[in-house]
Amino acid sequence: MTNTPTPCDRSNRGSFRAVSNAEVISLRALNLNLQNLSGTVLKNPFSLSSPCSIDWNDKKLQIRNFHLNMGQGFLSLDGSFSEAETTAKLQAQHFPIDLLTILQPNFSLKGSLTANGELKANPENLNGFFNAVLENADVGQLDRKVPIKAKGSLQAHLSQKMLQLHADLHASGEQFLDLTATIPLRYQLYPFCFAIDEIQPLSAELIAEGALEE
């Protein structure tokens, strides 16, 4: 596919237009140079700020210069994933979280997220960090007339295959949740994934108050 504009409309949730140069090498390989991408999703306009590329096969995945403007914010991602090493950088500012309702349509969700993170992994070690702030979210259900207002933050630090985690969430009605945890991890470089290491000790403290059933 070379410089082909592609319109799309799915259940009135949005539409997009893309101009790209792609080569499908096989069922397990793809090289994509995306020159332009724009449209709307859930009434949020989005567009690429510059061309980006994705190179994928059964040995590696590389994402270069992905910077997506959406609504009043943006999402930026660069990453290189292989069997030898993984590196990734992510940054988001005032990125709309409305998109999560595509996965769970029984909820209404308004608000934005600001976050940044880095990941470095090799066969010997796993390091990185991720910080996120939930900015004045409105969370509702279809059977609720008044949404719950919430804000919170997440701080995660990775070192020596150990995850140090602190999260807090404050909601209307003086509800809050505070979580601190130290979690040992095991991981796979490619395709990259991680899970709790059940063999190593884990510690966590959770403090919660309010009508949590809501």
C-alpha atoms as a PDB file:
ATOM      1  CA  MET A   1       0.000   0.000   0.000  1.00  0.00           C
ATOM      2  CA  THR A   2       1.516   3.314  -1.109  1.00  0.00           C
ATOM      3  CA  ASN A   3       0.105   6.739  -0.221  1.00  0.00           C
ATOM      4  CA  THR A   4      -3.416   5.376   0.118  1.00  0.00           C
ATOM      5  CA  PRO A   5      -5.960   7.410   2.108  1.00  0.00           C
ATOM      6  CA  THR A   6      -8.224   5.148   4.165  1.00  0.00           C
ATOM      7  CA  PRO A   7     -11.497   6.414   5.668  1.00  0.00           C
ATOM      8  CA  CYS A   8     -13.098   4.453   8.474  1.00  0.00           C
ATOM      9  CA  ASP A   9     -16.247   4.784  10.553  1.00  0.00           C
ATOM     10  CA  ARG A  10     -17.071   2.301  13.336  1.00  0.00           C
ATOM     11  CA  SER A  11     -20.464   2.546  15.087  1.00  0.00           C
ATOM     12  CA  ASN A  12     -20.336   6.376  15.112  1.00  0.00           C
ATOM     13  CA  ARG A  13     -17.426   6.267  17.584  1.00  0.00           C
ATOM     14  CA  GLY A  14     -15.131   8.111  15.208  1.00  0.00           C
ATOM     15  CA  SER A  15     -13.308   8.102  11.914  1.00  0.00           C
ATOM     16  CA  PHE A  16      -9.770   8.383  10.627  1.00  0.00           C
ATOM     17  CA  ARG A  17      -7.757   9.131   7.511  1.00  0.00           C
ATOM     18  CA  ALA A  18      -4.298   7.642   6.984  1.00  0.00           C
ATOM     19  CA  VAL A  19      -1.564   8.040   4.379  1.00  0.00           C
ATOM     20  CA  SER A  20       1.148   5.407   4.611  1.00  0.00           C
ATOM     21  CA  ASN A  21       3.735   3.341   2.820  1.00  0.00           C
ATOM     22  CA  ALA A  22       3.575  -0.256   4.076  1.00  0.00           C
ATOM     23  CA  GLU A  23       5.250  -3.477   3.119  1.00  0.00           C
ATOM     24  CA  VAL A  24       3.788  -6.715   4.466  1.00  0.00           C
ATOM     25  CA  ILE A  25       6.801  -9.005   4.258  1.00  0.00           C
ATOM     26  CA  SER A  26       4.946 -12.072   5.537  1.00  0.00           C
ATOM     27  CA  LEU A  27       2.233 -12.988   8.017  1.00  0.00           C
ATOM     28  CA  ARG A  28       4.842 -12.445  10.753  1.00  0.00           C
ATOM     29  CA  ALA A  29       6.470  -9.254   9.510  1.00  0.00           C
ATOM     30  CA  LEU A  30       5.475  -5.665   8.769  1.00  0.00           C
ATOM     31  CA  ASN A  31       7.272  -2.477   7.819  1.00  0.00           C
ATOM     32  CA  LEU A  32       5.077   0.611   8.063  1.00  0.00           C
ATOM     33  CA  ASN A  33       5.994   4.236   7.391  1.00  0.00           C
ATOM     34  CA  LEU A  34       3.004   6.329   8.414  1.00  0.00           C
ATOM     35  CA  GLN A  35       3.129   9.749   6.798  1.00  0.00           C
ATOM     36  CA  ASN A  36      -0.186  11.104   8.036  1.00  0.00           C
ATOM     37  CA  LEU A  37      -2.957  10.025  10.387  1.00  0.00           C
ATOM     38  CA  SER A  38      -5.887  12.155  11.479  1.00  0.00           C
ATOM     39  CA  GLY A  39      -9.521  11.890  12.438  1.00  0.00           C
ATOM     40  CA  THR A  40     -11.799  11.800  15.457  1.00  0.00           C
ATOM     41  CA  VAL A  41     -12.625   9.211  18.087  1.00  0.00           C
ATOM     42  CA  LEU A  42     -15.352   9.770  20.696  1.00  0.00           C
ATOM     43  CA  LYS A  43     -15.463  13.423  19.564  1.00  0.00           C
ATOM     44  CA  ASN A  44     -11.712  13.849  20.235  1.00  0.00           C
ATOM     45  CA  PRO A  45      -9.773  15.069  17.159  1.00  0.00           C
ATOM     46  CA  PHE A  46      -6.377  13.431  16.662  1.00  0.00           C
ATOM     47  CA  SER A  47      -3.437  13.732  14.276  1.00  0.00           C
ATOM     48  CA  LEU A  48       0.198  12.713  13.946  1.00  0.00           C
ATOM     49  CA  SER A  49       2.586  15.614  14.471  1.00  0.00           C
ATOM     50  CA  SER A  50       5.175  14.032  12.125  1.00  0.00           C
ATOM     51  CA  PRO A  51       5.748  10.808  10.167  1.00  0.00           C
ATOM     52  CA  CYS A  52       6.453   7.691  12.213  1.00  0.00           C
ATOM     53  CA  SER A  53       7.544   4.133  11.486  1.00  0.00           C
ATOM     54  CA  ILE A  54       6.819   0.659  12.819  1.00  0.00           C
ATOM     55  CA  ASP A  55       9.075  -2.285  11.975  1.00  0.00           C
ATOM     56  CA  TRP A  56       7.949  -5.675  13.283  1.00  0.00           C
ATOM     57  CA  ASN A  57       8.898  -9.318  12.816  1.00  0.00           C
ATOM     58  CA  ASP A  58       9.350 -12.409  14.990  1.00  0.00           C
ATOM     59  CA  LYS A  59      12.721 -11.094  16.252  1.00  0.00           C
ATOM     60  CA  LYS A  60      12.081  -7.411  16.949  1.00  0.00           C
ATOM     61  CA  LEU A  61       9.639  -4.523  17.166  1.00  0.00           C
ATOM     62  CA  GLN A  62      10.729  -0.933  16.608  1.00  0.00           C
ATOM     63  CA  ILE A  63       8.505   2.132  16.977  1.00  0.00           C
ATOM     64  CA  ARG A  64      10.060   5.444  15.978  1.00  0.00           C
ATOM     65  CA  ASN A  65       8.788   9.012  16.372  1.00  0.00           C
ATOM     66  CA  PHE A  66       5.202   8.167  17.279  1.00  0.00           C
ATOM     67  CA  HIS A  67       3.676  11.438  18.500  1.00  0.00           C
ATOM     68  CA  LEU A  68      -0.096  11.635  18.458  1.00  0.00           C
ATOM     69  CA  ASN A  69      -1.947  14.848  19.254  1.00  0.00           C
ATOM     70  CA  MET A  70      -5.419  14.190  20.648  1.00  0.00           C
ATOM     71  CA  GLY A  71      -7.880  16.677  22.073  1.00  0.00           C
ATOM     72  CA  GLN A  72      -5.925  19.096  24.259  1.00  0.00           C
ATOM     73  CA  GLY A  73      -3.076  16.641  24.832  1.00  0.00           C
ATOM     74  CA  PHE A  74      -0.646  14.241  23.201  1.00  0.00           C
ATOM     75  CA  LEU A  75       0.910  10.787  23.450  1.00  0.00           C
ATOM     76  CA  SER A  76       4.531  10.153  22.455  1.00  0.00           C
ATOM     77  CA  LEU A  77       6.210   6.741  22.191  1.00  0.00           C
ATOM     78  CA  ASP A  78       9.565   5.393  21.025  1.00  0.00           C
ATOM     79  CA  GLY A  79      10.617   1.812  21.589  1.00  0.00           C
ATOM     80  CA  SER A  80      12.919  -0.982  20.512  1.00  0.00           C
ATOM     81  CA  PHE A  81      12.071  -4.539  21.572  1.00  0.00           C
ATOM     82  CA  SER A  82      14.181  -7.602  20.774  1.00  0.00           C
ATOM     83  CA  GLU A  83      15.429 -10.852  22.269  1.00  0.00           C
ATOM     84  CA  ALA A  84      18.655  -9.113  23.344  1.00  0.00           C
ATOM     85  CA  GLU A  85      17.426  -5.797  24.758  1.00  0.00           C
ATOM     86  CA  THR A  86      14.339  -3.677  25.272  1.00  0.00           C
ATOM     87  CA  THR A  87      14.220   0.109  25.566  1.00  0.00           C
ATOM     88  CA  ALA A  88      11.143   2.329  25.547  1.00  0.00           C
ATOM     89  CA  LYS A  89      10.145   5.902  26.352  1.00  0.00           C
ATOM     90  CA  LEU A  90       6.601   7.154  26.818  1.00  0.00           C
ATOM     91  CA  GLN A  91       5.204  10.599  27.491  1.00  0.00           C
ATOM     92  CA  ALA A  92       1.609  11.777  27.668  1.00  0.00           C
ATOM     93  CA  GLN A  93       0.218  15.165  28.577  1.00  0.00           C
ATOM     94  CA  HIS A  94      -3.475  15.889  29.211  1.00  0.00           C
ATOM     95  CA  PHE A  95      -4.302  12.788  27.155  1.00  0.00           C
ATOM     96  CA  PRO A  96      -8.071  12.084  27.179  1.00  0.00           C
ATOM     97  CA  ILE A  97      -9.050   8.926  29.061  1.00  0.00           C
ATOM     98  CA  ASP A  98     -12.454   8.812  27.352  1.00  0.00           C
ATOM     99  CA  LEU A  99     -10.936   6.196  25.028  1.00  0.00           C
ATOM    100  CA  LEU A 100     -11.148   3.566  27.761  1.00  0.00           C
ATOM    101  CA  THR A 101     -14.916   3.489  27.356  1.00  0.00           C
ATOM    102  CA  ILE A 102     -14.365   1.695  24.043  1.00  0.00           C
ATOM    103  CA  LEU A 103     -13.192  -1.289  26.108  1.00  0.00           C
ATOM    104  CA  GLN A 104     -15.933  -0.904  28.734  1.00  0.00           C
ATOM    105  CA  PRO A 105     -18.994   0.781  27.189  1.00  0.00           C
ATOM    106  CA  ASN A 106     -21.117   0.399  30.346  1.00  0.00           C
ATOM    107  CA  PHE A 107     -19.123   3.225  31.938  1.00  0.00           C
ATOM    108  CA  SER A 108     -18.906   6.902  31.103  1.00  0.00           C
ATOM    109  CA  LEU A 109     -15.511   8.483  31.612  1.00  0.00           C
ATOM    110  CA  LYS A 110     -14.226  12.032  31.253  1.00  0.00           C
ATOM    111  CA  GLY A 111     -10.852  13.442  32.192  1.00  0.00           C
ATOM    112  CA  SER A 112      -7.224  13.336  31.204  1.00  0.00           C
ATOM    113  CA  LEU A 113      -3.930  11.679  32.072  1.00  0.00           C
ATOM    114  CA  THR A 114      -0.404  13.074  32.231  1.00  0.00           C
ATOM    115  CA  ALA A 115       2.379  10.492  32.384  1.00  0.00           C
ATOM    116  CA  ASN A 116       5.994   9.727  31.549  1.00  0.00           C
ATOM    117  CA  GLY A 117       8.074   6.600  31.753  1.00  0.00           C
ATOM    118  CA  GLU A 118      11.162   4.733  30.597  1.00  0.00           C
ATOM    119  CA  LEU A 119      12.041   1.052  30.389  1.00  0.00           C
ATOM    120  CA  LYS A 120      15.423  -0.638  29.946  1.00  0.00           C
ATOM    121  CA  ALA A 121      15.730  -4.400  30.025  1.00  0.00           C
ATOM    122  CA  ASN A 122      18.293  -7.047  29.090  1.00  0.00           C
ATOM    123  CA  PRO A 123      18.738 -10.685  30.073  1.00  0.00           C
ATOM    124  CA  GLU A 124      20.357  -9.679  33.395  1.00  0.00           C
ATOM    125  CA  ASN A 125      18.238  -6.784  34.601  1.00  0.00           C
ATOM    126  CA  LEU A 126      15.012  -4.815  34.369  1.00  0.00           C
ATOM    127  CA  ASN A 127      15.041  -1.082  35.134  1.00  0.00           C
ATOM    128  CA  GLY A 128      12.736   1.848  34.563  1.00  0.00           C
ATOM    129  CA  PHE A 129      10.065   4.126  35.951  1.00  0.00           C
ATOM    130  CA  PHE A 130       6.513   5.241  35.271  1.00  0.00           C
ATOM    131  CA  ASN A 131       4.752   8.265  36.767  1.00  0.00           C
ATOM    132  CA  ALA A 132       1.137   9.175  36.044  1.00  0.00           C
ATOM    133  CA  VAL A 133      -1.381  11.735  37.264  1.00  0.00           C
ATOM    134  CA  LEU A 134      -5.125  11.302  36.786  1.00  0.00           C
ATOM    135  CA  GLU A 135      -6.527  14.783  36.278  1.00  0.00           C
ATOM    136  CA  ASN A 136     -10.060  15.458  37.516  1.00  0.00           C
ATOM    137  CA  ALA A 137     -11.827  12.414  36.112  1.00  0.00           C
ATOM    138  CA  ASP A 138     -15.604  11.955  36.043  1.00  0.00           C
ATOM    139  CA  VAL A 139     -16.532   8.277  36.284  1.00  0.00           C
ATOM    140  CA  GLY A 140     -20.121   7.146  35.818  1.00  0.00           C
ATOM    141  CA  GLN A 141     -22.270   4.123  35.110  1.00  0.00           C
ATOM    142  CA  LEU A 142     -25.287   3.956  32.859  1.00  0.00           C
ATOM    143  CA  ASP A 143     -27.612   3.555  35.859  1.00  0.00           C
ATOM    144  CA  ARG A 144     -26.064   6.487  37.817  1.00  0.00           C
ATOM    145  CA  LYS A 145     -27.225  10.066  37.300  1.00  0.00           C
ATOM    146  CA  VAL A 146     -24.333  11.706  39.141  1.00  0.00           C
ATOM    147  CA  PRO A 147     -20.775  10.681  38.152  1.00  0.00           C
ATOM    148  CA  ILE A 148     -18.037  10.135  40.710  1.00  0.00           C
ATOM    149  CA  LYS A 149     -15.296  12.760  40.545  1.00  0.00           C
ATOM    150  CA  ALA A 150     -11.803  11.366  41.058  1.00  0.00           C
ATOM    151  CA  LYS A 151      -8.145  12.282  40.819  1.00  0.00           C
ATOM    152  CA  GLY A 152      -5.019  10.367  41.715  1.00  0.00           C
ATOM    153  CA  SER A 153      -1.439   9.486  40.951  1.00  0.00           C
ATOM    154  CA  LEU A 154       0.792   6.487  40.332  1.00  0.00           C
ATOM    155  CA  GLN A 155       4.542   6.223  40.894  1.00  0.00           C
ATOM    156  CA  ALA A 156       6.407   3.085  39.859  1.00  0.00           C
ATOM    157  CA  HIS A 157      10.149   2.417  40.000  1.00  0.00           C
ATOM    158  CA  LEU A 158      11.858  -0.657  38.559  1.00  0.00           C
ATOM    159  CA  SER A 159      15.319  -1.775  39.647  1.00  0.00           C
ATOM    160  CA  GLN A 160      17.009  -5.152  39.893  1.00  0.00           C
ATOM    161  CA  LYS A 161      13.768  -6.906  38.841  1.00  0.00           C
ATOM    162  CA  MET A 162      11.931  -5.279  41.756  1.00  0.00           C
ATOM    163  CA  LEU A 163       8.934  -2.964  41.385  1.00  0.00           C
ATOM    164  CA  GLN A 164       8.369  -0.239  43.996  1.00  0.00           C
ATOM    165  CA  LEU A 165       4.812   1.042  43.641  1.00  0.00           C
ATOM    166  CA  HIS A 166       2.795   3.836  45.222  1.00  0.00           C
ATOM    167  CA  ALA A 167      -0.702   4.781  44.084  1.00  0.00           C
ATOM    168  CA  ASP A 168      -3.360   7.043  45.522  1.00  0.00           C
ATOM    169  CA  LEU A 169      -6.905   7.753  44.397  1.00  0.00           C
ATOM    170  CA  HIS A 170      -9.266  10.370  45.841  1.00  0.00           C
ATOM    171  CA  ALA A 171     -12.939  10.435  44.903  1.00  0.00           C
ATOM    172  CA  SER A 172     -15.977  12.521  45.776  1.00  0.00           C
ATOM    173  CA  GLY A 173     -17.684  11.720  49.055  1.00  0.00           C
ATOM    174  CA  GLU A 174     -14.345  11.649  50.908  1.00  0.00           C
ATOM    175  CA  GLN A 175     -13.464   8.286  49.438  1.00  0.00           C
ATOM    176  CA  PHE A 176      -9.792   7.478  49.023  1.00  0.00           C
ATOM    177  CA  LEU A 177      -7.417   4.609  48.390  1.00  0.00           C
ATOM    178  CA  ASP A 178      -3.688   4.483  49.095  1.00  0.00           C
ATOM    179  CA  LEU A 179      -1.503   1.566  47.992  1.00  0.00           C
ATOM    180  CA  THR A 180       2.202   0.948  48.618  1.00  0.00           C
ATOM    181  CA  ALA A 181       3.829  -2.249  47.408  1.00  0.00           C
ATOM    182  CA  THR A 182       7.160  -3.928  46.716  1.00  0.00           C
ATOM    183  CA  ILE A 183       6.703  -6.566  44.034  1.00  0.00           C
ATOM    184  CA  PRO A 184       9.339  -8.970  42.617  1.00  0.00           C
ATOM    185  CA  LEU A 185       9.017  -9.550  38.892  1.00  0.00           C
ATOM    186  CA  ARG A 186       9.980 -12.095  36.287  1.00  0.00           C
ATOM    187  CA  TYR A 187      10.002 -11.056  32.643  1.00  0.00           C
ATOM    188  CA  GLN A 188      10.504 -12.048  29.031  1.00  0.00           C
ATOM    189  CA  LEU A 189      12.313  -9.759  26.607  1.00  0.00           C
ATOM    190  CA  TYR A 190      10.481 -10.605  23.386  1.00  0.00           C
ATOM    191  CA  PRO A 191       7.610 -10.448  23.047  1.00  0.00           C
ATOM    192  CA  PHE A 192       8.051  -8.272  26.132  1.00  0.00           C
ATOM    193  CA  CYS A 193       5.919  -9.265  29.119  1.00  0.00           C
ATOM    194  CA  PHE A 194       6.296  -9.480  32.874  1.00  0.00           C
ATOM    195  CA  ALA A 195       4.531 -11.060  35.834  1.00  0.00           C
ATOM    196  CA  ILE A 196       4.845 -11.357  39.603  1.00  0.00           C
ATOM    197  CA  ASP A 197       7.613 -13.725  40.679  1.00  0.00           C
ATOM    198  CA  GLU A 198       5.699 -16.040  43.017  1.00  0.00           C
ATOM    199  CA  ILE A 199       8.920 -17.513  44.437  1.00  0.00           C
ATOM    200  CA  GLN A 200      10.184 -14.217  45.888  1.00  0.00           C
ATOM    201  CA  PRO A 201       8.582 -12.411  48.883  1.00  0.00           C
ATOM    202  CA  LEU A 202       6.070  -9.643  48.229  1.00  0.00           C
ATOM    203  CA  SER A 203       4.897  -6.850  50.538  1.00  0.00           C
ATOM    204  CA  ALA A 204       1.980  -4.428  50.224  1.00  0.00           C
ATOM    205  CA  GLU A 205      -0.088  -2.030  52.313  1.00  0.00           C
ATOM    206  CA  LEU A 206      -3.555  -0.838  51.302  1.00  0.00           C
ATOM    207  CA  ILE A 207      -5.523   1.911  53.052  1.00  0.00           C
ATOM    208  CA  ALA A 208      -9.055   2.637  51.857  1.00  0.00           C
ATOM    209  CA  GLU A 209     -11.959   4.651  53.186  1.00  0.00           C
ATOM    210  CA  GLY A 210     -15.433   5.476  51.896  1.00  0.00           C
ATOM    211  CA  ALA A 211     -18.336   3.789  50.170  1.00  0.00           C
ATOM    212  CA  LEU A 212     -16.152   1.545  48.046  1.00  0.00           C
ATOM    213  CA  GLU A 213     -19.122  -0.392  46.681  1.00  0.00           C
ATOM    214  CA  GLU A 214     -19.823   2.639  44.507  1.00  0.00           C
END
